[in-house]
Amino acid sequence: MSFKQDIIRVDGKRIVINPFLYLRKFDQKSKRWLREPGQISKSRIELNRSKYYPEVNWEILNLNEKLIKETTIELFLKTNEVIQTFNASLNSEQLLEVEKKLIYHQKTSFEKISKNYFIKKERLLLNQKRKLERTTLISDWQKWLSLEQTRKLIMPVFVIIFISALLGWFAGISKNSCNPYFESNSSNQL
């Protein structure tokens, strides 16, 4: 795997613009901060919309597209903070150049990360919903089976099913109780 697009040079300094390459230096709280959206205020994200997506008309986007793009903007802002933290010697011009290169190199990958986050979250919610439905169904059946009237009803139903199965089986055997060999008709004989 090539990391050429994840590392840029600014005035002879090598700067990593992929925030996930810093993860070894983070504690668990910082990793969670970087990976989960919702850590940066909505007003700050809205202020940076035109900076990261100047070509987008935010009024015509549907809710999912807005969420993905806003999450991507949040990831850009977090990445800028990570770069500033680990490269404290950069001046404002260098940070602006890093930010431009960051937008150019990482925009599609950050959007993909944002989409995958929401897909994974939706799948997790669906799994939790299914699990809740299963437990509700099981508890409903357990409640129904624990009722006194249900227990009184189950035994006669099983007896009726068993007797009808026996009668059907005996009726089927009595029809097939003839000679297992083919009998020839007397009219077909030569």
C-alpha atoms as a PDB file:
ATOM      1  CA  MET A   1       0.000   0.000   0.000  1.00  0.00           C
ATOM      2  CA  SER A   2       1.358   3.385  -1.001  1.00  0.00           C
ATOM      3  CA  PHE A   3       1.282   6.233   1.497  1.00  0.00           C
ATOM      4  CA  LYS A   4       2.394   8.896  -1.009  1.00  0.00           C
ATOM      5  CA  GLN A   5      -0.922  10.730  -0.898  1.00  0.00           C
ATOM      6  CA  ASP A   6      -1.001  10.530   2.921  1.00  0.00           C
ATOM      7  CA  ILE A   7       2.337  12.322   3.336  1.00  0.00           C
ATOM      8  CA  ILE A   8       3.029  15.738   1.863  1.00  0.00           C
ATOM      9  CA  ARG A   9       6.027  18.040   1.971  1.00  0.00           C
ATOM     10  CA  VAL A  10       5.682  21.668   3.007  1.00  0.00           C
ATOM     11  CA  ASP A  11       8.883  23.726   3.029  1.00  0.00           C
ATOM     12  CA  GLY A  12      10.953  20.536   3.370  1.00  0.00           C
ATOM     13  CA  LYS A  13       8.891  19.168   6.265  1.00  0.00           C
ATOM     14  CA  ARG A  14       7.103  15.846   5.936  1.00  0.00           C
ATOM     15  CA  ILE A  15       3.533  16.098   7.173  1.00  0.00           C
ATOM     16  CA  VAL A  16       1.117  13.219   7.457  1.00  0.00           C
ATOM     17  CA  ILE A  17      -2.351  14.335   6.366  1.00  0.00           C
ATOM     18  CA  ASN A  18      -4.146  11.067   7.105  1.00  0.00           C
ATOM     19  CA  PRO A  19      -5.311  11.371  10.721  1.00  0.00           C
ATOM     20  CA  PHE A  20      -5.658   7.609  11.114  1.00  0.00           C
ATOM     21  CA  LEU A  21      -1.895   7.181  10.790  1.00  0.00           C
ATOM     22  CA  TYR A  22      -1.546   8.999  14.128  1.00  0.00           C
ATOM     23  CA  LEU A  23      -3.732   6.480  15.964  1.00  0.00           C
ATOM     24  CA  ARG A  24      -0.791   4.744  17.672  1.00  0.00           C
ATOM     25  CA  LYS A  25      -0.044   8.017  19.443  1.00  0.00           C
ATOM     26  CA  PHE A  26      -3.645   8.459  20.660  1.00  0.00           C
ATOM     27  CA  ASP A  27      -5.302   7.215  23.790  1.00  0.00           C
ATOM     28  CA  GLN A  28      -8.728   5.526  23.588  1.00  0.00           C
ATOM     29  CA  LYS A  29     -10.617   8.764  24.248  1.00  0.00           C
ATOM     30  CA  SER A  30      -8.840  10.532  21.373  1.00  0.00           C
ATOM     31  CA  LYS A  31      -9.445   7.587  19.022  1.00  0.00           C
ATOM     32  CA  ARG A  32     -13.148   7.728  19.832  1.00  0.00           C
ATOM     33  CA  TRP A  33     -13.106  11.510  19.342  1.00  0.00           C
ATOM     34  CA  LEU A  34     -11.610  11.098  15.875  1.00  0.00           C
ATOM     35  CA  ARG A  35     -13.800   8.222  14.691  1.00  0.00           C
ATOM     36  CA  GLU A  36     -17.227   9.213  15.985  1.00  0.00           C
ATOM     37  CA  PRO A  37     -19.054  12.214  14.551  1.00  0.00           C
ATOM     38  CA  GLY A  38     -20.880  14.697  16.722  1.00  0.00           C
ATOM     39  CA  GLN A  39     -17.834  15.915  18.615  1.00  0.00           C
ATOM     40  CA  ILE A  40     -17.668  19.303  16.875  1.00  0.00           C
ATOM     41  CA  SER A  41     -20.489  21.828  17.123  1.00  0.00           C
ATOM     42  CA  LYS A  42     -23.007  22.178  14.323  1.00  0.00           C
ATOM     43  CA  SER A  43     -22.346  25.932  14.066  1.00  0.00           C
ATOM     44  CA  ARG A  44     -18.635  25.370  13.479  1.00  0.00           C
ATOM     45  CA  ILE A  45     -19.401  22.811  10.778  1.00  0.00           C
ATOM     46  CA  GLU A  46     -21.855  25.196   9.091  1.00  0.00           C
ATOM     47  CA  LEU A  47     -19.210  27.947   9.098  1.00  0.00           C
ATOM     48  CA  ASN A  48     -16.803  25.671   7.220  1.00  0.00           C
ATOM     49  CA  ARG A  49     -19.271  24.396   4.597  1.00  0.00           C
ATOM     50  CA  SER A  50     -18.146  26.853   1.918  1.00  0.00           C
ATOM     51  CA  LYS A  51     -14.499  26.167   2.692  1.00  0.00           C
ATOM     52  CA  TYR A  52     -14.641  22.423   2.081  1.00  0.00           C
ATOM     53  CA  TYR A  53     -17.599  22.234  -0.322  1.00  0.00           C
ATOM     54  CA  PRO A  54     -17.734  25.516  -2.266  1.00  0.00           C
ATOM     55  CA  GLU A  55     -19.491  23.865  -5.209  1.00  0.00           C
ATOM     56  CA  VAL A  56     -22.387  22.391  -3.200  1.00  0.00           C
ATOM     57  CA  ASN A  57     -25.810  24.015  -2.882  1.00  0.00           C
ATOM     58  CA  TRP A  58     -26.814  22.947   0.628  1.00  0.00           C
ATOM     59  CA  GLU A  59     -30.466  23.841   0.102  1.00  0.00           C
ATOM     60  CA  ILE A  60     -31.105  21.080  -2.457  1.00  0.00           C
ATOM     61  CA  LEU A  61     -29.321  18.257  -0.614  1.00  0.00           C
ATOM     62  CA  ASN A  62     -31.412  15.598   1.074  1.00  0.00           C
ATOM     63  CA  LEU A  63     -30.882  14.732   4.739  1.00  0.00           C
ATOM     64  CA  ASN A  64     -28.524  11.777   4.119  1.00  0.00           C
ATOM     65  CA  GLU A  65     -26.295  13.765   1.772  1.00  0.00           C
ATOM     66  CA  LYS A  66     -26.138  16.632   4.278  1.00  0.00           C
ATOM     67  CA  LEU A  67     -25.224  14.246   7.101  1.00  0.00           C
ATOM     68  CA  ILE A  68     -22.450  12.643   5.053  1.00  0.00           C
ATOM     69  CA  LYS A  69     -21.017  15.980   3.943  1.00  0.00           C
ATOM     70  CA  GLU A  70     -21.241  17.481   7.435  1.00  0.00           C
ATOM     71  CA  THR A  71     -19.530  14.412   8.887  1.00  0.00           C
ATOM     72  CA  THR A  72     -16.829  14.783   6.242  1.00  0.00           C
ATOM     73  CA  ILE A  73     -16.372  18.451   7.214  1.00  0.00           C
ATOM     74  CA  GLU A  74     -16.092  17.389  10.848  1.00  0.00           C
ATOM     75  CA  LEU A  75     -13.420  14.868   9.859  1.00  0.00           C
ATOM     76  CA  PHE A  76     -11.538  17.641   8.029  1.00  0.00           C
ATOM     77  CA  LEU A  77     -11.698  19.875  11.096  1.00  0.00           C
ATOM     78  CA  LYS A  78     -10.512  17.082  13.375  1.00  0.00           C
ATOM     79  CA  THR A  79      -7.683  16.280  10.967  1.00  0.00           C
ATOM     80  CA  ASN A  80      -6.595  19.920  11.005  1.00  0.00           C
ATOM     81  CA  GLU A  81      -6.511  19.823  14.801  1.00  0.00           C
ATOM     82  CA  VAL A  82      -4.468  16.612  14.760  1.00  0.00           C
ATOM     83  CA  ILE A  83      -1.994  18.066  12.244  1.00  0.00           C
ATOM     84  CA  GLN A  84      -1.656  21.261  14.290  1.00  0.00           C
ATOM     85  CA  THR A  85      -1.106  19.233  17.452  1.00  0.00           C
ATOM     86  CA  PHE A  86       1.610  16.996  16.021  1.00  0.00           C
ATOM     87  CA  ASN A  87       3.194  19.726  13.845  1.00  0.00           C
ATOM     88  CA  ALA A  88       3.129  22.713  16.185  1.00  0.00           C
ATOM     89  CA  SER A  89       5.966  24.453  14.320  1.00  0.00           C
ATOM     90  CA  LEU A  90       3.843  25.150  11.213  1.00  0.00           C
ATOM     91  CA  ASN A  91       2.922  28.795  10.579  1.00  0.00           C
ATOM     92  CA  SER A  92      -0.440  29.972   9.190  1.00  0.00           C
ATOM     93  CA  GLU A  93       0.706  29.916   5.515  1.00  0.00           C
ATOM     94  CA  GLN A  94       1.992  26.382   5.871  1.00  0.00           C
ATOM     95  CA  LEU A  95      -1.220  25.302   7.607  1.00  0.00           C
ATOM     96  CA  LEU A  96      -3.247  26.811   4.761  1.00  0.00           C
ATOM     97  CA  GLU A  97      -1.152  24.911   2.209  1.00  0.00           C
ATOM     98  CA  VAL A  98      -1.551  21.701   4.212  1.00  0.00           C
ATOM     99  CA  GLU A  99      -5.295  22.272   4.362  1.00  0.00           C
ATOM    100  CA  LYS A 100      -5.538  22.744   0.568  1.00  0.00           C
ATOM    101  CA  LYS A 101      -3.596  19.557  -0.040  1.00  0.00           C
ATOM    102  CA  LEU A 102      -5.666  17.777   2.564  1.00  0.00           C
ATOM    103  CA  ILE A 103      -8.870  18.745   0.755  1.00  0.00           C
ATOM    104  CA  TYR A 104      -7.436  17.701  -2.603  1.00  0.00           C
ATOM    105  CA  HIS A 105      -6.058  14.321  -1.470  1.00  0.00           C
ATOM    106  CA  GLN A 106      -8.487  13.201   1.235  1.00  0.00           C
ATOM    107  CA  LYS A 107     -11.945  14.461   0.217  1.00  0.00           C
ATOM    108  CA  THR A 108     -13.129  11.228  -1.433  1.00  0.00           C
ATOM    109  CA  SER A 109     -11.643   8.990   1.237  1.00  0.00           C
ATOM    110  CA  PHE A 110     -13.198  11.076   4.032  1.00  0.00           C
ATOM    111  CA  GLU A 111     -16.582  10.913   2.290  1.00  0.00           C
ATOM    112  CA  LYS A 112     -16.205   7.155   2.007  1.00  0.00           C
ATOM    113  CA  ILE A 113     -15.350   6.924   5.719  1.00  0.00           C
ATOM    114  CA  SER A 114     -18.453   9.005   6.531  1.00  0.00           C
ATOM    115  CA  LYS A 115     -20.708   6.833   4.336  1.00  0.00           C
ATOM    116  CA  ASN A 116     -19.313   3.657   5.893  1.00  0.00           C
ATOM    117  CA  TYR A 117     -19.913   5.053   9.376  1.00  0.00           C
ATOM    118  CA  PHE A 118     -23.591   5.628   8.640  1.00  0.00           C
ATOM    119  CA  ILE A 119     -23.963   2.256   6.906  1.00  0.00           C
ATOM    120  CA  LYS A 120     -22.398   0.529   9.891  1.00  0.00           C
ATOM    121  CA  LYS A 121     -24.572   2.509  12.313  1.00  0.00           C
ATOM    122  CA  GLU A 122     -27.719   1.643  10.334  1.00  0.00           C
ATOM    123  CA  ARG A 123     -26.765  -2.039  10.265  1.00  0.00           C
ATOM    124  CA  LEU A 124     -26.132  -2.005  14.017  1.00  0.00           C
ATOM    125  CA  LEU A 125     -29.530  -0.384  14.666  1.00  0.00           C
ATOM    126  CA  LEU A 126     -31.226  -2.954  12.432  1.00  0.00           C
ATOM    127  CA  ASN A 127     -29.503  -5.811  14.279  1.00  0.00           C
ATOM    128  CA  GLN A 128     -30.563  -4.352  17.630  1.00  0.00           C
ATOM    129  CA  LYS A 129     -34.123  -3.965  16.382  1.00  0.00           C
ATOM    130  CA  ARG A 130     -34.206  -7.600  15.205  1.00  0.00           C
ATOM    131  CA  LYS A 131     -32.754  -8.785  18.495  1.00  0.00           C
ATOM    132  CA  LEU A 132     -35.387  -6.818  20.402  1.00  0.00           C
ATOM    133  CA  GLU A 133     -38.146  -8.291  18.213  1.00  0.00           C
ATOM    134  CA  ARG A 134     -36.824 -11.820  18.834  1.00  0.00           C
ATOM    135  CA  THR A 135     -36.722 -11.337  22.592  1.00  0.00           C
ATOM    136  CA  THR A 136     -40.204  -9.801  22.541  1.00  0.00           C
ATOM    137  CA  LEU A 137     -41.545 -12.742  20.528  1.00  0.00           C
ATOM    138  CA  ILE A 138     -39.925 -15.268  22.860  1.00  0.00           C
ATOM    139  CA  SER A 139     -41.220 -13.508  25.961  1.00  0.00           C
ATOM    140  CA  ASP A 140     -44.720 -13.296  24.458  1.00  0.00           C
ATOM    141  CA  TRP A 141     -44.706 -17.039  23.748  1.00  0.00           C
ATOM    142  CA  GLN A 142     -43.397 -17.763  27.242  1.00  0.00           C
ATOM    143  CA  LYS A 143     -46.163 -15.661  28.772  1.00  0.00           C
ATOM    144  CA  TRP A 144     -48.780 -17.364  26.618  1.00  0.00           C
ATOM    145  CA  LEU A 145     -47.482 -20.831  27.454  1.00  0.00           C
ATOM    146  CA  SER A 146     -47.398 -20.030  31.175  1.00  0.00           C
ATOM    147  CA  LEU A 147     -51.111 -19.227  31.287  1.00  0.00           C
ATOM    148  CA  GLU A 148     -53.353 -21.792  32.997  1.00  0.00           C
ATOM    149  CA  GLN A 149     -55.871 -21.893  30.117  1.00  0.00           C
ATOM    150  CA  THR A 150     -53.086 -22.518  27.607  1.00  0.00           C
ATOM    151  CA  ARG A 151     -51.788 -25.486  29.561  1.00  0.00           C
ATOM    152  CA  LYS A 152     -55.300 -26.901  29.784  1.00  0.00           C
ATOM    153  CA  LEU A 153     -55.749 -26.472  26.016  1.00  0.00           C
ATOM    154  CA  ILE A 154     -52.394 -27.847  24.845  1.00  0.00           C
ATOM    155  CA  MET A 155     -52.905 -31.450  26.000  1.00  0.00           C
ATOM    156  CA  PRO A 156     -56.216 -32.032  24.154  1.00  0.00           C
ATOM    157  CA  VAL A 157     -54.835 -30.374  20.996  1.00  0.00           C
ATOM    158  CA  PHE A 158     -51.808 -32.687  20.992  1.00  0.00           C
ATOM    159  CA  VAL A 159     -54.042 -35.715  21.633  1.00  0.00           C
ATOM    160  CA  ILE A 160     -56.278 -34.736  18.684  1.00  0.00           C
ATOM    161  CA  ILE A 161     -53.260 -34.249  16.417  1.00  0.00           C
ATOM    162  CA  PHE A 162     -51.787 -37.605  17.499  1.00  0.00           C
ATOM    163  CA  ILE A 163     -55.069 -39.498  16.986  1.00  0.00           C
ATOM    164  CA  SER A 164     -55.648 -37.922  13.542  1.00  0.00           C
ATOM    165  CA  ALA A 165     -52.089 -38.826  12.514  1.00  0.00           C
ATOM    166  CA  LEU A 166     -52.650 -42.438  13.631  1.00  0.00           C
ATOM    167  CA  LEU A 167     -55.977 -42.645  11.799  1.00  0.00           C
ATOM    168  CA  GLY A 168     -54.415 -41.225   8.644  1.00  0.00           C
ATOM    169  CA  TRP A 169     -51.551 -43.659   8.856  1.00  0.00           C
ATOM    170  CA  PHE A 170     -53.815 -46.672   9.369  1.00  0.00           C
ATOM    171  CA  ALA A 171     -56.105 -45.550   6.529  1.00  0.00           C
ATOM    172  CA  GLY A 172     -53.097 -45.263   4.227  1.00  0.00           C
ATOM    173  CA  ILE A 173     -51.826 -48.720   5.177  1.00  0.00           C
ATOM    174  CA  SER A 174     -55.197 -50.375   4.672  1.00  0.00           C
ATOM    175  CA  LYS A 175     -55.365 -49.055   1.082  1.00  0.00           C
ATOM    176  CA  ASN A 176     -51.898 -50.333   0.365  1.00  0.00           C
ATOM    177  CA  SER A 177     -52.467 -53.673   2.028  1.00  0.00           C
ATOM    178  CA  CYS A 178     -53.073 -55.435  -1.282  1.00  0.00           C
ATOM    179  CA  ASN A 179     -50.522 -57.615  -3.013  1.00  0.00           C
ATOM    180  CA  PRO A 180     -47.356 -55.618  -3.562  1.00  0.00           C
ATOM    181  CA  TYR A 181     -46.828 -57.296  -6.957  1.00  0.00           C
ATOM    182  CA  PHE A 182     -48.621 -55.957  -9.950  1.00  0.00           C
ATOM    183  CA  GLU A 183     -51.759 -57.878 -10.585  1.00  0.00           C
ATOM    184  CA  SER A 184     -52.684 -58.366 -14.170  1.00  0.00           C
ATOM    185  CA  ASN A 185     -56.226 -57.888 -15.339  1.00  0.00           C
ATOM    186  CA  SER A 186     -57.895 -60.844 -16.907  1.00  0.00           C
ATOM    187  CA  SER A 187     -59.073 -58.688 -19.817  1.00  0.00           C
ATOM    188  CA  ASN A 188     -55.487 -57.830 -20.769  1.00  0.00           C
ATOM    189  CA  GLN A 189     -54.420 -61.449 -21.032  1.00  0.00           C
ATOM    190  CA  LEU A 190     -53.812 -62.969 -24.467  1.00  0.00           C
END
